Each structure stands twice: as structure tokens, then as C-alpha cells.
Protein backbone atom coordinates (compact mmCIF):
# COMPACT_ATOMS: atom_id res chain seq x y z
CA UNK A 1 157.31 -122.33 7.35
CA UNK A 2 154.54 -120.45 9.02
CA UNK A 3 152.20 -122.19 11.62
CA UNK A 4 148.63 -121.64 11.99
CA UNK A 5 147.41 -121.20 15.44
CA UNK A 6 144.81 -123.71 16.65
CA UNK A 7 142.74 -121.02 18.02
CA UNK A 8 142.76 -119.06 14.62
CA UNK A 9 141.76 -122.11 12.81
CA UNK A 10 138.99 -123.13 15.25
CA UNK A 11 137.56 -119.71 14.68
CA UNK A 12 137.97 -120.00 10.84
CA UNK A 13 135.90 -123.30 10.98
CA UNK A 14 133.52 -121.92 13.35
CA UNK A 15 132.90 -118.84 10.94
CA UNK A 16 132.61 -121.29 8.10
CA UNK A 17 129.95 -123.32 9.95
CA UNK A 18 127.99 -120.31 10.73
CA UNK A 19 127.93 -118.99 7.31
CA UNK A 20 126.92 -122.57 6.07
CA UNK A 21 124.11 -122.74 8.65
CA UNK A 22 122.90 -119.18 7.63
CA UNK A 23 122.89 -120.15 4.16
CA UNK A 24 121.00 -123.37 4.97
CA UNK A 25 118.50 -121.38 7.31
CA UNK A 26 118.00 -119.05 4.45
CA UNK A 27 117.16 -121.54 1.91
CA UNK A 28 114.83 -123.31 4.16
CA UNK A 29 112.88 -120.08 4.73
CA UNK A 30 112.69 -119.47 1.13
CA UNK A 31 111.50 -123.11 0.69
CA UNK A 32 108.90 -122.58 3.54
CA UNK A 33 107.54 -119.52 1.76
CA UNK A 34 107.47 -121.49 -1.40
CA UNK A 35 105.35 -124.34 -0.13
CA UNK A 36 102.88 -121.94 1.79
CA UNK A 37 102.56 -119.61 -1.25
CA UNK A 38 99.55 -121.39 -2.89
CA UNK A 39 97.71 -121.43 0.44
CA UNK A 40 98.50 -117.66 0.99
CA UNK A 41 97.62 -116.79 -2.55
CA UNK A 42 94.31 -118.81 -2.44
CA UNK A 43 93.30 -117.26 0.80
CA UNK A 44 94.04 -113.59 -0.57
CA UNK A 45 92.06 -114.38 -3.72
CA UNK A 46 88.98 -116.23 -2.32
CA UNK A 47 88.70 -115.16 1.14
CA UNK A 48 90.55 -111.75 2.09
CA UNK A 49 89.79 -110.01 -1.31
CA UNK A 50 85.90 -110.95 -1.53
CA UNK A 51 85.55 -109.95 2.23
CA UNK A 52 87.02 -106.52 1.89
CA UNK A 53 85.41 -106.09 -1.60
CA UNK A 54 81.80 -107.02 -0.12
CA UNK A 55 82.32 -104.51 2.87
CA UNK A 56 83.04 -101.82 0.24
CA UNK A 57 80.09 -102.74 -1.83
CA UNK A 58 77.91 -102.65 1.45
CA UNK A 59 78.85 -98.97 1.69
CA UNK A 60 77.60 -98.21 -2.08
CA UNK A 61 74.58 -98.13 -4.32
CA UNK A 62 75.47 -100.80 -6.77
CA UNK A 63 73.57 -102.79 -9.43
CA UNK A 64 76.28 -104.85 -11.03
CA UNK A 65 76.22 -102.89 -14.38
CA UNK A 66 77.07 -99.45 -13.44
CA UNK A 67 80.01 -98.11 -11.18
CA UNK A 68 79.25 -98.21 -7.41
CA UNK A 69 78.12 -94.82 -5.75
CA UNK A 70 79.35 -94.59 -2.23
CA UNK A 71 76.29 -93.91 0.10
CA UNK A 72 78.22 -94.54 3.47
CA UNK A 73 75.81 -96.31 6.17
CA UNK A 74 72.70 -95.68 3.83
CA UNK A 75 72.12 -99.20 3.18
CA UNK A 76 72.19 -100.21 6.87
CA UNK A 77 69.93 -97.46 7.67
CA UNK A 78 67.49 -98.71 5.07
CA UNK A 79 67.85 -102.19 6.31
CA UNK A 80 66.88 -101.40 9.84
CA UNK A 81 64.41 -98.74 9.38
CA UNK A 82 62.72 -98.91 5.92
CA UNK A 83 62.80 -102.36 4.45
CA UNK A 84 59.50 -104.17 5.28
CA UNK A 85 60.97 -107.24 4.66
CA UNK A 86 64.14 -107.45 6.93
CA UNK A 87 62.68 -107.87 10.17
CA UNK A 88 60.22 -110.71 9.11
CA UNK A 89 63.22 -112.27 7.57
CA UNK A 90 65.21 -111.94 10.77
CA UNK A 91 62.25 -113.43 12.70
CA UNK A 92 61.85 -116.26 10.39
CA UNK A 93 65.54 -117.02 10.65
CA UNK A 94 65.56 -117.10 14.34
CA UNK A 95 62.46 -119.23 14.20
CA UNK A 96 64.09 -121.71 11.94
CA UNK A 97 67.13 -121.84 14.18
CA UNK A 98 64.99 -122.52 17.31
CA UNK A 99 63.09 -125.17 15.69
CA UNK A 100 65.94 -127.00 13.69
CA UNK A 101 68.99 -127.07 16.02
CA UNK A 102 67.41 -128.72 19.03
CA UNK A 103 65.59 -131.14 16.87
CA UNK A 104 68.53 -131.99 14.81
CA UNK A 105 70.86 -132.46 17.89
CA UNK A 106 68.33 -134.48 19.60
CA UNK A 107 67.43 -136.87 16.62
CA UNK A 108 71.18 -136.95 15.55
CA UNK A 109 72.07 -138.29 19.09
CA UNK A 110 69.14 -140.52 19.38
CA UNK A 111 70.03 -142.34 15.76
CA UNK A 112 73.72 -142.46 17.13
CA UNK A 113 72.96 -144.21 20.06
CA UNK A 114 70.74 -146.54 18.34
CA UNK A 115 73.52 -147.17 15.54
CA UNK A 116 75.94 -147.68 18.44
CA UNK A 117 74.40 -150.70 19.55
CA UNK A 118 75.56 -154.28 18.41
CA UNK A 119 72.79 -156.13 16.52
CA UNK A 120 72.43 -157.82 13.15
CA UNK A 121 72.34 -155.34 10.17
CA UNK A 122 73.58 -152.34 12.05
CA UNK A 123 76.02 -151.33 9.46
CA UNK A 124 72.91 -151.36 6.73
CA UNK A 125 70.83 -149.08 9.20
CA UNK A 126 73.91 -146.60 9.58
CA UNK A 127 74.22 -146.49 5.68
CA UNK A 128 70.55 -145.90 5.29
CA UNK A 129 70.70 -143.33 7.90
CA UNK A 130 73.55 -141.43 6.23
CA UNK A 131 72.44 -142.01 2.63
CA UNK A 132 70.24 -138.68 2.44
CA UNK A 133 73.43 -136.66 3.13
CA UNK A 134 75.07 -137.83 -0.06
CA UNK A 135 71.94 -137.69 -2.20
CA UNK A 136 71.40 -134.41 -4.48
CA UNK A 137 70.07 -131.91 -2.23
CA UNK A 138 67.86 -130.11 -5.09
CA UNK A 139 66.35 -133.47 -6.08
CA UNK A 140 65.46 -134.70 -2.71
CA UNK A 141 63.94 -131.10 -1.65
CA UNK A 142 61.79 -131.33 -4.99
CA UNK A 143 60.60 -134.53 -4.08
CA UNK A 144 59.66 -133.54 -0.72
CA UNK A 145 57.63 -130.56 -2.19
CA UNK A 146 55.51 -133.35 -3.95
CA UNK A 147 55.30 -135.24 -0.68
CA UNK A 148 53.81 -132.15 1.12
CA UNK A 149 51.62 -131.26 -1.54
CA UNK A 150 48.18 -130.67 0.21
CA UNK A 151 46.07 -132.11 -2.51
CA UNK A 152 48.06 -135.08 -3.92
CA UNK A 153 50.94 -135.38 -1.49
CA UNK A 154 51.88 -138.75 0.06
CA UNK A 155 52.07 -137.30 3.66
CA UNK A 156 48.45 -136.04 3.46
CA UNK A 157 47.26 -139.11 1.96
CA UNK A 158 48.65 -141.22 4.76
CA UNK A 159 47.21 -139.14 7.26
CA UNK A 160 43.79 -139.21 5.67
CA UNK A 161 44.07 -143.04 5.51
CA UNK A 162 44.95 -143.19 9.26
CA UNK A 163 41.95 -140.73 10.11
CA UNK A 164 44.67 -138.07 11.19
CA UNK A 165 43.98 -134.40 10.49
CA UNK A 166 45.74 -133.18 7.25
CA UNK A 167 47.42 -129.85 6.83
CA UNK A 168 48.24 -127.34 4.02
CA UNK A 169 51.90 -127.55 4.93
CA UNK A 170 53.76 -125.45 2.73
CA UNK A 171 50.85 -123.31 1.84
CA UNK A 172 50.13 -122.57 5.65
CA UNK A 173 51.79 -119.60 7.18
CA UNK A 174 51.82 -121.48 10.54
CA UNK A 175 52.90 -124.80 9.31
CA UNK A 176 55.32 -123.76 6.25
CA UNK A 177 58.22 -123.36 8.57
CA UNK A 178 57.75 -126.72 10.37
CA UNK A 179 57.63 -128.23 7.11
CA UNK A 180 60.73 -126.70 5.81
CA UNK A 181 62.49 -127.96 9.14
CA UNK A 182 61.16 -131.46 8.49
CA UNK A 183 62.79 -131.48 5.16
CA UNK A 184 66.07 -130.19 6.73
CA UNK A 185 66.05 -133.08 9.41
CA UNK A 186 66.05 -135.45 6.55
CA UNK A 187 69.89 -134.94 6.42
CA UNK A 188 70.46 -135.70 10.09
CA UNK A 189 72.61 -138.45 9.13
CA UNK A 190 75.74 -136.01 8.98
CA UNK A 191 75.07 -135.06 12.69
CA UNK A 192 74.33 -138.74 13.59
CA UNK A 193 77.97 -139.85 12.18
CA UNK A 194 79.77 -137.30 14.31
CA UNK A 195 77.85 -138.16 17.42
CA UNK A 196 78.57 -141.98 16.71
CA UNK A 197 82.11 -141.22 16.41
CA UNK A 198 82.00 -139.37 19.89
CA UNK A 199 80.03 -142.12 21.41
CA UNK A 200 82.71 -144.82 20.42
CA UNK A 201 85.39 -142.76 21.78
CA UNK A 202 83.76 -142.93 25.41
CA UNK A 203 85.82 -145.43 27.48
CA UNK A 204 83.92 -148.75 28.20
CA UNK A 205 85.28 -149.05 31.59
CA UNK A 206 83.20 -146.18 32.87
CA UNK A 207 79.90 -148.11 31.57
CA UNK A 208 81.26 -151.14 33.19
CA UNK A 209 81.90 -149.31 36.49
CA UNK A 210 78.38 -147.82 36.31
CA UNK A 211 76.74 -151.39 35.83
CA UNK A 212 78.72 -152.61 38.81
CA UNK A 213 77.27 -149.82 40.84
CA UNK A 214 73.74 -150.45 39.58
CA UNK A 215 73.32 -147.18 37.63
CA UNK A 216 70.16 -147.24 35.37
CA UNK A 217 70.28 -146.31 31.85
CA UNK A 218 69.00 -142.72 32.45
CA UNK A 219 71.59 -142.18 35.11
CA UNK A 220 74.54 -143.71 32.78
CA UNK A 221 73.24 -141.24 30.01
CA UNK A 222 73.19 -138.22 32.11
CA UNK A 223 76.30 -138.66 34.31
CA UNK A 224 78.59 -140.50 31.87
CA UNK A 225 77.51 -140.30 28.23
CA UNK A 226 76.37 -136.53 28.01
CA UNK A 227 79.48 -135.01 29.97
CA UNK A 228 81.82 -137.29 28.03
CA UNK A 229 80.75 -136.10 24.56
CA UNK A 230 79.93 -132.64 25.44
CA UNK A 231 82.88 -131.14 23.71
CA UNK A 232 81.50 -132.73 20.44
CA UNK A 233 77.93 -131.48 21.54
CA UNK A 234 79.51 -128.03 21.48
CA UNK A 235 80.89 -128.49 18.23
CA UNK A 236 77.57 -129.67 16.88
CA UNK A 237 75.84 -126.74 18.38
CA UNK A 238 78.02 -124.27 16.55
CA UNK A 239 77.96 -126.12 13.48
CA UNK A 240 74.20 -126.71 13.26
CA UNK A 241 73.43 -123.00 14.33
CA UNK A 242 75.61 -121.51 11.65
CA UNK A 243 74.15 -123.89 9.05
CA UNK A 244 70.78 -122.98 9.89
CA UNK A 245 71.36 -119.39 9.94
CA UNK A 246 72.68 -119.71 6.27
CA UNK A 247 69.67 -122.05 5.20
CA UNK A 248 68.80 -121.35 1.58
CA UNK A 249 67.97 -124.38 -0.49
CA UNK A 250 64.97 -125.63 1.50
CA UNK A 251 63.01 -122.43 1.61
CA UNK A 252 63.96 -121.46 -1.84
CA UNK A 253 62.65 -124.55 -3.54
CA UNK A 254 59.82 -125.41 -1.33
CA UNK A 255 58.27 -122.12 -0.67
CA UNK A 256 60.44 -119.25 -2.17
CA UNK A 257 59.91 -117.50 1.04
CA UNK A 258 56.14 -117.82 1.35
CA UNK A 259 53.36 -117.66 2.16
CA UNK A 260 53.80 -114.07 2.95
CA UNK A 261 57.12 -113.75 4.91
CA UNK A 262 56.74 -116.81 6.91
CA UNK A 263 59.68 -118.79 5.31
CA UNK A 264 61.67 -115.80 3.94
CA UNK A 265 64.82 -116.34 5.62
CA UNK A 266 67.76 -113.95 5.60
CA UNK A 267 69.78 -115.93 3.09
CA UNK A 268 66.90 -115.94 0.65
CA UNK A 269 66.17 -112.36 1.14
CA UNK A 270 69.80 -111.76 0.11
CA UNK A 271 69.48 -113.79 -2.89
CA UNK A 272 66.15 -111.77 -3.79
CA UNK A 273 67.86 -108.62 -3.66
CA UNK A 274 71.13 -109.65 -5.17
CA UNK A 275 69.68 -111.70 -8.04
CA UNK A 276 66.07 -110.52 -8.55
CA UNK A 277 63.60 -111.76 -11.19
CA UNK A 278 64.21 -110.85 -14.93
CA UNK A 279 63.37 -107.36 -15.38
CA UNK A 280 64.15 -106.26 -11.95
CA UNK A 281 67.23 -104.14 -11.02
CA UNK A 282 69.80 -106.01 -8.81
CA UNK A 283 70.79 -104.45 -5.67
CA UNK A 284 74.09 -105.85 -4.98
CA UNK A 285 75.13 -103.13 -2.55
CA UNK A 286 72.06 -103.64 -0.47
CA UNK A 287 72.48 -107.41 -0.49
CA UNK A 288 76.20 -106.91 0.59
CA UNK A 289 74.95 -104.96 3.57
CA UNK A 290 72.55 -107.80 4.43
CA UNK A 291 75.42 -110.39 4.25
CA UNK A 292 77.47 -108.39 6.50
CA UNK A 293 74.51 -108.25 9.09
CA UNK A 294 74.24 -111.92 8.86
CA UNK A 295 78.08 -112.35 9.25
CA UNK A 296 77.84 -110.29 12.48
CA UNK A 297 75.05 -112.50 13.83
CA UNK A 298 77.04 -115.65 13.02
CA UNK A 299 80.10 -114.24 14.77
CA UNK A 300 78.06 -113.33 17.84
CA UNK A 301 76.38 -116.51 18.07
CA UNK A 302 79.73 -118.40 18.03
CA UNK A 303 81.30 -115.98 20.38
CA UNK A 304 78.31 -116.43 23.10
CA UNK A 305 78.37 -120.23 22.69
CA UNK A 306 82.21 -120.51 23.19
CA UNK A 307 81.90 -117.90 26.13
CA UNK A 308 79.35 -119.95 27.99
CA UNK A 309 80.57 -123.38 26.86
CA UNK A 310 82.50 -123.83 30.18
CA UNK A 311 79.14 -124.15 31.99
CA UNK A 312 78.22 -127.19 30.51
CA UNK A 313 81.04 -128.88 28.69
CA UNK A 314 83.40 -131.42 30.38
CA UNK A 315 87.13 -131.08 30.21
CA UNK A 316 89.76 -132.97 32.01
CA UNK A 317 92.21 -130.39 33.15
CA UNK A 318 93.39 -132.15 36.19
CA UNK A 319 97.23 -132.30 36.73
CA UNK A 320 98.80 -135.34 36.23
């Protein structure tokens, strides 16, 4: 009767275990790929392919009806040197960003600090402040267009009753962009909610220690509140700036870019070139070139904001 060496049987068991583990690992990898396949397919179909396709179209002359004709950098040369609407659109976009972003941050933070207090009806106030965010955008903007009407609008009527100067608002080259920003600020409740969550995450012990030390409200705000919510402030700066750079609904519905080029922001200019009025030929290739210019501007703004964020954002990196 033959005997099996313990060493040999141990090696056989180890080999079988390794084989079983390798088979299990292989099945786990296949299952992992199966689970992430929908995400990969969705990213490829809805992000990667449109991005590559739009870059190719930016290098072509394309109207959506005939085959694209490759023109290289011709669309970009036309954009920067020929098109009379591009630089005014860029200035209008920059003006809108400079007006909207600081005002939305300041107003959102002020509302958040007010709604962070304890008083009767605070939940009702929070709901009312956030309500414009969930209302239909087109309907509310159209309502604002009637409010800002220089002849029969509610705003001029109130100003006239109070003996204050009225304005042409949307029909004035100087006041049209501030009027558009005013309508955009109607939805500042979204900014308020994020700031409110940030304020409620600040440790109350810091405020209690400040009160014991006799710190005033302004000192508490600048030395405790702002530093502690500065990472959320950075997030809000990036979100509000990118949203302002892509503003479309308000200028389109309120002014359609007028009067003149005063509110003809870059997104609206892209839309007009890609989807012109009936009887005009679409310029989808040229519009794609404008999209890529806007994309590069957004990436540059985000990169610069992130680069200099360490100068004003607080982070606790002290070792334990």
C-alpha cells in the first residue's frame, strides 16, 4: 500500500487553493466589469463621443444638412478676427459674471445666516427662500419680463408711486444686464441652502468661546464663520462662476441678446449660430468652435480659482 508524503499532499492542497482563488478572483473581476459597464457605456456615448465629435466639427464647415468640410482653424480665425459679435459677447459674459457671482454669494450667505437663526416661522422662511429654485424657469422669467416692462411693469409702477426714478430696464443698453442679473438672483435659494448646511456644520464651541472672550458680531463673522466655511465658499465660487458663464435662459427670454449686443452672452451667441431663425443656414461647425472657446475659458477659470484657493481657504492640516 503506497503512502502519500505529507509534504506532497500539502503542495497539492495549496495548488488547489491557489487555483480556486484565481478562479474566484477572475469571476470577481468579470462581475466588477459587468457592474461598471453601464457607467462606462453611458460616459462613452453621452460624454466622450460628443466631446470628440464637437471638436472635429469645430474644425469643419458644417450646416447639419450636408457633409462637413474640413477647414482646420478657419472657424477660430473667423471667431477672433472677423466676427463682429464675438468680442461683445465675451465682454457681456464677463460683465454678467462680475455682477452676478459676488452678488449671489453675498445674498446667499446673508439669507443663510438669517435662516440659521432660531425664531418662530424659520422653516417657512427657508421654504419661501428656496421656492423660486423649484418653480418652472421659463414661466418665472416670462413673468419677470412683464414686471420689468417700462410702460406697464410692476417695478416701474412701484418706483413711480414712491417718487423714485424709473428705468427702461430691458430696453436700456446700460440697465439691461443689471436687469438680467436681478432676475438671475431670484434663484439664489440654491446658494442659500448650501451655505446654510455649511453654517450648521461649524462647531458651536467656537462661538461660545468667542462670546466668553467678548468678541463682537463682526469679529466672530470674519475670524470664525468665514474661515470655517471657506471650503464651501470655494465650491460656491466655482459653481456660480461656471453657471454664470453658461447663462442662457434669462438673456434669451428677456432680451434675446439686445438691445444691441448688451446682453448677447456667449451661450446665446452659440445658440444663434447653431440654431438660427427660420430661413437662415445653421453654422454648426462655427458654433462648435465657440463651444470649445467657452469650454477652455471655464477650465481656465476653475484652474486659476483652485490654484489660488490656498491663499484664502482654511484647512486643518495639523498633525494629530
